[in-house]
Amino acid sequence: MGIPGFSRTCPECGNVSAENRPTQEKFHCVSCGHSTHADTVGALNGLRAGLVRRDANPV
């Protein structure tokens, strides 16, 4: 189970829409047209969120 919205948020423009996921494996941003595998989008968004959190709470 992933974090809600990660695989529906465009890593290029930030648009969040259920329509960005036409199928379980495909991602196509309805705003900017960015297209890739949905798992790649979820991984990129998760990485970015982790880096933001790390930078906000340095050890």
Protein backbone atom coordinates (compact mmCIF):
# COMPACT_ATOMS: atom_id res chain seq x y z
CA MET A 1 0.00 0.00 0.00
CA GLY A 2 1.50 3.30 -1.11
CA ILE A 3 0.98 6.86 -0.03
CA PRO A 4 -2.23 8.27 -1.55
CA GLY A 5 -1.66 10.44 -4.59
CA PHE A 6 1.98 9.51 -5.22
CA SER A 7 1.24 7.64 -8.41
CA ARG A 8 -1.29 10.26 -9.58
CA THR A 9 0.97 13.31 -9.13
CA CYS A 10 2.95 14.40 -12.18
CA PRO A 11 6.68 14.63 -11.36
CA GLU A 12 7.10 17.24 -14.11
CA CYS A 13 4.33 19.78 -13.39
CA GLY A 14 2.80 18.68 -10.06
CA ASN A 15 -0.71 18.11 -11.44
CA VAL A 16 -2.67 15.65 -9.28
CA SER A 17 -5.51 13.81 -10.98
CA ALA A 18 -6.95 10.31 -11.02
CA GLU A 19 -7.18 10.81 -14.80
CA ASN A 20 -3.36 10.81 -14.93
CA ARG A 21 -3.60 7.02 -14.47
CA PRO A 22 -5.54 5.68 -17.48
CA THR A 23 -4.53 2.13 -16.49
CA GLN A 24 -2.82 0.58 -13.49
CA GLU A 25 0.60 0.63 -15.16
CA LYS A 26 0.41 3.75 -17.33
CA PHE A 27 0.85 7.37 -16.31
CA HIS A 28 -0.08 10.20 -18.66
CA CYS A 29 -0.44 13.72 -17.23
CA VAL A 30 -3.62 15.40 -18.44
CA SER A 31 -2.03 18.81 -17.85
CA CYS A 32 1.47 18.70 -19.38
CA GLY A 33 1.42 15.42 -21.34
CA HIS A 34 4.28 13.74 -19.42
CA SER A 35 4.04 9.99 -19.95
CA THR A 36 5.85 7.07 -18.27
CA HIS A 37 5.25 3.91 -16.24
CA ALA A 38 3.16 4.54 -13.11
CA ASP A 39 5.68 2.76 -10.88
CA THR A 40 8.38 5.19 -12.04
CA VAL A 41 6.15 8.14 -11.11
CA GLY A 42 5.45 6.71 -7.65
CA ALA A 43 9.15 6.04 -7.06
CA LEU A 44 10.20 9.53 -8.15
CA ASN A 45 7.55 11.20 -6.02
CA GLY A 46 8.47 9.02 -3.03
CA LEU A 47 12.16 9.85 -3.43
CA ARG A 48 11.44 13.56 -3.64
CA ALA A 49 9.23 13.44 -0.53
CA GLY A 50 11.94 11.57 1.36
CA LEU A 51 14.60 14.08 0.36
CA VAL A 52 12.39 16.98 1.45
CA ARG A 53 11.76 15.30 4.80
CA ARG A 54 15.47 14.55 5.27
CA ASP A 55 16.43 18.15 4.50
CA ALA A 56 13.76 19.46 6.89
CA ASN A 57 14.99 17.20 9.74
CA PRO A 58 18.76 16.83 9.39
CA VAL A 59 20.36 14.34 11.77
